[in-house]
Amino acid sequence: MNRLMKVFGLLSMVTMLLVVSMATVLAAENVDWNKNVIRATGGGVAPANARNIAQARMMARRAAITDAYRQLAEYVGGVNVDSETTVSMAEVQSDVVKTRVQAMVRGARIVDERQTRDGGYEVTVEVSMFGVSSLASAVISRPAVIESFPEQTADVLPSKVEPYQDGGWATPAPSTNKGSSAAAAPDGKAIGKFTGLIVDCRGLGLKPVMSPVIKNANGRPIYGYKNLDYDKVIEKGMASYARNMSEASRAGRNPLIVRALDVENHGGTPVLSVADANRVLIENGATHFLDDTNVVFLR
């Protein structure tokens, strides 16, 4: 009996993992991480017993709305709150989160609808990742205290600053820190007056998450939601995800641009060289672009 129960338990776990995996795939295709919205389009057809054209259209529309909300719930469930937790996992862990997410999905707005040529109906619904009544407000909890950004780590500091090849500014790698692209300013002084941060993770398989963390190569976090004003995080999120520089307007007109060495924690956490992380912390001390969440990840 115990052996049979273990088998059933294993099968249940495998089934749950498959469901979560499928939801994550669906979310990846239906979440706009640059505009921070989740969309779903549902379809409906009128039943054969509709009395007239008007009733048929109304019933098809109702079926399309129901289908759209069902799909939206699946997409929302696959969104990653952080690098290790999806919304579906958070719902399992907390009935409060589950209730909030369900209410948020039911409150989704209709952004487009149309009747199809075959007499069916399509409805597109949308929810915001951040803002009032958003997914963030449902799944991200308020930290007990705001933690200060860490101090820079002792490192070899270069003295020359050059333009980054795609715009913005970055410093060359010091010879003692292989792979660095934007090391700290000389003598620990901010020099760039930067408006934001762009972390270039292209080619590394970065996975978008709602609550990202940036670490240095020593494993030390330098940016996370516990360092930020909670209300600001809920209002606009911690970062946006873009495919190229033209989509990175969130970082402002004079961004500090660094290249990630790697991504960790299932692809959700960019890793910077120690020198790059130092530079980010120094410049943030001058213009507070991290505090303002003016952060963009290129993927």
Protein backbone atom coordinates (compact mmCIF):
# COMPACT_ATOMS: atom_id res chain seq x y z
CA MET A 1 0.00 0.00 0.00
CA ASN A 2 2.78 2.44 0.91
CA ARG A 3 4.54 1.64 -2.34
CA LEU A 4 1.33 2.25 -4.30
CA MET A 5 0.82 5.58 -2.55
CA LYS A 6 4.37 6.61 -3.43
CA VAL A 7 3.74 5.76 -7.08
CA PHE A 8 0.53 7.82 -7.12
CA GLY A 9 2.36 10.67 -5.40
CA LEU A 10 5.12 10.57 -8.02
CA LEU A 11 2.58 10.53 -10.85
CA SER A 12 0.78 13.51 -9.34
CA MET A 13 4.04 15.43 -9.06
CA VAL A 14 4.94 14.66 -12.68
CA THR A 15 1.48 15.76 -13.82
CA MET A 16 1.76 19.02 -11.89
CA LEU A 17 5.20 19.71 -13.39
CA LEU A 18 3.86 19.08 -16.90
CA VAL A 19 0.95 21.45 -16.29
CA VAL A 20 3.25 24.15 -14.93
CA SER A 21 5.65 23.64 -17.83
CA MET A 22 2.87 23.98 -20.41
CA ALA A 23 1.52 27.10 -18.67
CA THR A 24 5.01 28.61 -18.75
CA VAL A 25 5.29 27.97 -22.49
CA LEU A 26 1.90 29.56 -23.10
CA ALA A 27 2.84 32.56 -20.95
CA ALA A 28 6.07 33.05 -22.88
CA GLU A 29 4.06 33.45 -26.08
CA ASN A 30 1.37 35.74 -24.68
CA VAL A 31 3.14 38.09 -22.27
CA ASP A 32 4.53 41.37 -23.57
CA TRP A 33 7.43 42.05 -21.21
CA ASN A 34 8.20 45.39 -22.81
CA LYS A 35 4.68 46.80 -22.37
CA ASN A 36 4.08 44.61 -19.29
CA VAL A 37 0.70 43.20 -20.30
CA ILE A 38 -0.77 39.72 -20.69
CA ARG A 39 -3.30 39.13 -23.47
CA ALA A 40 -5.55 36.25 -24.46
CA THR A 41 -7.94 35.86 -27.38
CA GLY A 42 -10.95 33.59 -27.05
CA GLY A 43 -13.31 32.29 -29.70
CA GLY A 44 -16.98 31.35 -29.57
CA VAL A 45 -19.73 30.11 -31.86
CA ALA A 46 -23.47 30.40 -31.53
CA PRO A 47 -25.43 27.27 -30.56
CA ALA A 48 -27.66 25.71 -33.18
CA ASN A 49 -30.81 26.58 -31.23
CA ALA A 50 -30.28 30.37 -31.34
CA ARG A 51 -33.62 32.01 -32.12
CA ASN A 52 -32.34 34.78 -34.35
CA ILE A 53 -29.18 36.49 -35.63
CA ALA A 54 -28.99 38.92 -32.73
CA GLN A 55 -29.22 36.15 -30.13
CA ALA A 56 -26.69 34.06 -32.03
CA ARG A 57 -24.19 36.93 -32.02
CA MET A 58 -24.76 37.60 -28.31
CA MET A 59 -24.29 33.94 -27.36
CA ALA A 60 -21.19 33.59 -29.53
CA ARG A 61 -19.73 36.69 -27.89
CA ARG A 62 -20.45 35.33 -24.41
CA ALA A 63 -18.74 32.03 -25.32
CA ALA A 64 -15.72 33.93 -26.68
CA ILE A 65 -15.39 35.98 -23.47
CA THR A 66 -15.54 32.83 -21.35
CA ASP A 67 -12.87 31.20 -23.53
CA ALA A 68 -10.66 34.30 -23.36
CA TYR A 69 -10.78 34.41 -19.56
CA ARG A 70 -10.01 30.68 -19.36
CA GLN A 71 -6.95 31.10 -21.55
CA LEU A 72 -5.87 34.22 -19.68
CA ALA A 73 -5.89 32.29 -16.40
CA GLU A 74 -3.55 29.72 -17.97
CA TYR A 75 -1.17 32.36 -19.28
CA VAL A 76 -1.10 34.20 -15.96
CA GLY A 77 -0.33 30.95 -14.14
CA GLY A 78 2.81 30.46 -16.22
CA VAL A 79 4.30 33.89 -15.52
CA ASN A 80 7.42 33.78 -13.35
CA VAL A 81 7.20 35.85 -10.18
CA ASP A 82 10.90 35.25 -9.61
CA SER A 83 13.46 32.89 -11.10
CA GLU A 84 12.08 29.86 -9.25
CA THR A 85 8.37 30.53 -8.70
CA THR A 86 5.52 30.80 -11.20
CA VAL A 87 2.16 32.37 -10.38
CA SER A 88 0.62 28.87 -10.32
CA MET A 89 3.14 27.79 -7.69
CA ALA A 90 2.41 30.91 -5.65
CA GLU A 91 -1.31 30.13 -5.78
CA VAL A 92 -0.69 26.63 -4.46
CA GLN A 93 1.38 28.04 -1.61
CA SER A 94 -1.14 30.71 -0.60
CA ASP A 95 -4.93 30.85 -0.73
CA VAL A 96 -4.70 34.63 -0.41
CA VAL A 97 -2.58 34.87 -3.57
CA LYS A 98 -4.96 32.49 -5.37
CA THR A 99 -7.98 34.62 -4.47
CA ARG A 100 -6.23 37.82 -5.57
CA VAL A 101 -5.11 36.33 -8.89
CA GLN A 102 -8.60 35.00 -9.64
CA ALA A 103 -10.11 38.41 -8.93
CA MET A 104 -7.52 40.08 -11.15
CA VAL A 105 -8.29 37.71 -14.04
CA ARG A 106 -12.05 38.25 -13.65
CA GLY A 107 -11.40 41.98 -13.84
CA ALA A 108 -9.50 41.75 -17.14
CA ARG A 109 -10.49 44.37 -19.68
CA ILE A 110 -11.73 43.66 -23.17
CA VAL A 111 -9.39 45.41 -25.61
CA ASP A 112 -10.69 44.05 -28.92
CA GLU A 113 -13.62 42.06 -30.27
CA ARG A 114 -15.01 41.16 -33.66
CA GLN A 115 -17.42 38.88 -35.44
CA THR A 116 -15.76 36.36 -37.73
CA ARG A 117 -16.84 35.60 -41.29
CA ASP A 118 -18.22 32.20 -40.32
CA GLY A 119 -20.56 33.77 -37.76
CA GLY A 120 -18.34 33.14 -34.75
CA TYR A 121 -16.92 35.74 -32.43
CA GLU A 122 -13.46 36.62 -31.09
CA VAL A 123 -12.68 38.59 -27.95
CA THR A 124 -9.25 39.72 -26.72
CA VAL A 125 -8.78 40.47 -23.02
CA GLU A 126 -5.79 41.98 -21.24
CA VAL A 127 -4.43 42.44 -17.74
CA SER A 128 -1.52 44.58 -16.60
CA MET A 129 1.56 43.12 -15.01
CA PHE A 130 2.00 46.26 -12.90
CA GLY A 131 -0.16 49.10 -11.65
CA VAL A 132 -3.54 49.26 -9.90
CA SER A 133 -5.30 45.86 -9.70
CA SER A 134 -2.34 44.26 -11.48
CA LEU A 135 -0.73 40.84 -11.28
CA ALA A 136 2.14 42.34 -9.28
CA SER A 137 -0.20 43.59 -6.59
CA ALA A 138 -1.63 40.07 -6.30
CA VAL A 139 1.59 38.09 -6.01
CA ILE A 140 4.39 40.36 -4.73
CA SER A 141 4.29 40.92 -0.98
CA ARG A 142 5.46 44.05 0.79
CA PRO A 143 8.86 43.53 2.47
CA ALA A 144 9.12 44.26 6.20
CA VAL A 145 11.91 46.80 5.59
CA ILE A 146 13.67 48.34 2.60
CA GLU A 147 17.25 47.09 2.47
CA SER A 148 20.01 49.48 1.42
CA PHE A 149 21.94 48.81 -1.76
CA PRO A 150 25.22 47.07 -0.89
CA GLU A 151 28.57 48.82 -0.86
CA GLN A 152 30.90 48.18 -3.77
CA THR A 153 33.27 45.24 -3.55
CA ALA A 154 37.01 45.96 -3.46
CA ASP A 155 38.36 45.51 -6.99
CA VAL A 156 40.87 46.83 -9.54
CA LEU A 157 39.40 49.98 -11.05
CA PRO A 158 40.22 51.24 -14.56
CA SER A 159 40.40 54.93 -15.29
CA LYS A 160 39.25 55.20 -18.91
CA VAL A 161 35.65 55.50 -20.11
CA GLU A 162 34.74 54.82 -23.75
CA PRO A 163 31.49 54.71 -25.79
CA TYR A 164 29.67 51.40 -25.89
CA GLN A 165 29.31 50.06 -29.43
CA ASP A 166 25.49 50.33 -29.43
CA GLY A 167 25.22 53.68 -27.66
CA GLY A 168 25.50 54.81 -24.05
CA TRP A 169 28.74 54.49 -22.12
CA ALA A 170 30.75 51.77 -20.50
CA THR A 171 34.25 51.32 -19.21
CA PRO A 172 36.72 48.78 -20.59
CA ALA A 173 37.49 45.61 -18.71
CA PRO A 174 40.40 45.71 -16.25
CA SER A 175 43.04 43.11 -17.03
CA THR A 176 42.44 41.40 -13.68
CA ASN A 177 38.72 40.81 -14.28
CA LYS A 178 38.16 38.85 -17.46
CA GLY A 179 34.84 39.41 -19.17
CA SER A 180 34.01 42.73 -17.58
CA SER A 181 32.58 45.47 -19.78
CA ALA A 182 31.81 48.38 -17.49
CA ALA A 183 34.00 48.42 -14.44
CA ALA A 184 33.84 50.92 -11.61
CA ALA A 185 34.94 54.51 -11.93
CA PRO A 186 38.40 55.51 -10.64
CA ASP A 187 38.62 56.18 -6.89
CA GLY A 188 35.00 55.10 -6.49
CA LYS A 189 33.63 58.37 -7.88
CA ALA A 190 30.59 58.55 -10.14
CA ILE A 191 31.39 60.11 -13.49
CA GLY A 192 28.63 59.29 -15.95
CA LYS A 193 25.44 61.03 -14.74
CA PHE A 194 23.59 58.05 -16.12
CA THR A 195 19.80 57.96 -16.48
CA GLY A 196 19.39 54.21 -16.27
CA LEU A 197 20.93 50.77 -16.62
CA ILE A 198 20.87 48.39 -19.58
CA VAL A 199 22.11 44.86 -18.94
CA ASP A 200 22.91 43.11 -22.20
CA CYS A 201 22.04 39.43 -21.76
CA ARG A 202 21.59 38.58 -25.43
CA GLY A 203 22.65 35.05 -26.27
CA LEU A 204 22.59 33.87 -22.65
CA GLY A 205 19.02 32.56 -22.52
CA LEU A 206 17.66 35.14 -20.08
CA LYS A 207 14.18 34.29 -18.75
CA PRO A 208 11.89 37.25 -17.91
CA VAL A 209 10.59 37.40 -14.34
CA MET A 210 8.48 39.91 -12.43
CA SER A 211 10.93 40.27 -9.56
CA PRO A 212 14.45 39.99 -11.02
CA VAL A 213 17.72 40.02 -9.11
CA ILE A 214 21.11 41.15 -10.41
CA LYS A 215 24.18 39.51 -8.86
CA ASN A 216 27.90 40.02 -9.14
CA ALA A 217 30.28 37.20 -10.05
CA ASN A 218 30.86 36.49 -6.34
CA GLY A 219 27.17 35.64 -5.94
CA ARG A 220 26.33 38.87 -4.13
CA PRO A 221 22.94 40.45 -5.03
CA ILE A 222 23.21 44.13 -5.98
CA TYR A 223 19.61 44.72 -7.10
CA GLY A 224 16.34 43.21 -5.88
CA TYR A 225 12.85 44.31 -4.92
CA LYS A 226 13.78 44.47 -1.24
CA ASN A 227 16.08 47.40 -2.14
CA LEU A 228 13.20 49.38 -3.63
CA ASP A 229 10.11 51.27 -2.65
CA TYR A 230 7.34 48.65 -2.75
CA ASP A 231 4.70 50.99 -4.15
CA LYS A 232 7.04 51.96 -6.99
CA VAL A 233 7.68 48.30 -7.81
CA ILE A 234 3.94 47.61 -7.97
CA GLU A 235 3.33 50.73 -10.04
CA LYS A 236 5.91 50.19 -12.81
CA GLY A 237 7.83 47.01 -12.12
CA MET A 238 11.55 46.57 -11.53
CA ALA A 239 12.67 46.39 -15.15
CA SER A 240 11.56 45.93 -18.72
CA TYR A 241 12.76 43.30 -21.17
CA ALA A 242 13.71 44.32 -24.71
CA ARG A 243 15.13 42.72 -27.84
CA ASN A 244 17.23 45.68 -28.93
CA MET A 245 18.37 49.17 -27.94
CA SER A 246 15.46 50.88 -29.70
CA GLU A 247 13.08 49.24 -27.21
CA ALA A 248 15.13 50.26 -24.16
CA SER A 249 13.68 53.74 -23.61
CA ARG A 250 13.00 52.98 -19.95
CA ALA A 251 16.72 53.45 -19.24
CA GLY A 252 16.60 57.07 -20.45
CA ARG A 253 18.77 59.01 -22.86
CA ASN A 254 22.12 58.31 -21.23
CA PRO A 255 22.10 54.70 -19.97
CA LEU A 256 24.99 52.84 -18.42
CA ILE A 257 25.29 49.65 -20.46
CA VAL A 258 26.96 46.49 -19.18
CA ARG A 259 27.22 42.97 -20.52
CA ALA A 260 26.17 40.08 -18.32
CA LEU A 261 28.70 37.30 -17.90
CA ASP A 262 26.03 34.66 -17.37
CA VAL A 263 22.50 34.04 -16.12
CA GLU A 264 21.73 31.90 -13.07
CA ASN A 265 18.72 30.52 -11.19
CA HIS A 266 17.01 28.89 -14.18
CA GLY A 267 17.99 31.78 -16.41
CA GLY A 268 16.26 34.52 -14.40
CA THR A 269 19.23 36.20 -12.69
CA PRO A 270 21.84 38.15 -14.71
CA VAL A 271 25.38 37.95 -13.37
CA LEU A 272 27.80 40.88 -13.75
CA SER A 273 31.52 40.96 -13.20
CA VAL A 274 32.49 42.36 -9.82
CA ALA A 275 33.90 45.45 -11.51
CA ASP A 276 30.71 46.02 -13.52
CA ALA A 277 28.61 45.61 -10.40
CA ASN A 278 30.84 48.15 -8.62
CA ARG A 279 30.35 50.65 -11.40
CA VAL A 280 26.57 50.20 -11.30
CA LEU A 281 26.47 50.79 -7.54
CA ILE A 282 28.75 53.84 -7.73
CA GLU A 283 26.77 55.49 -10.51
CA ASN A 284 23.47 54.68 -8.81
CA GLY A 285 24.74 56.50 -5.74
CA ALA A 286 24.96 59.64 -7.88
CA THR A 287 21.77 59.53 -9.94
CA HIS A 288 19.64 56.79 -8.28
CA PHE A 289 18.55 55.08 -11.49
CA LEU A 290 18.20 51.77 -9.66
CA ASP A 291 16.00 53.40 -7.03
CA ASP A 292 13.82 54.70 -9.89
CA THR A 293 13.75 51.20 -11.51
CA ASN A 294 15.12 52.58 -14.78
CA VAL A 295 16.46 49.15 -15.70
CA VAL A 296 16.27 47.26 -18.99
CA PHE A 297 17.41 43.72 -19.77
CA LEU A 298 18.26 42.88 -23.38
CA ARG A 299 17.49 39.27 -24.22
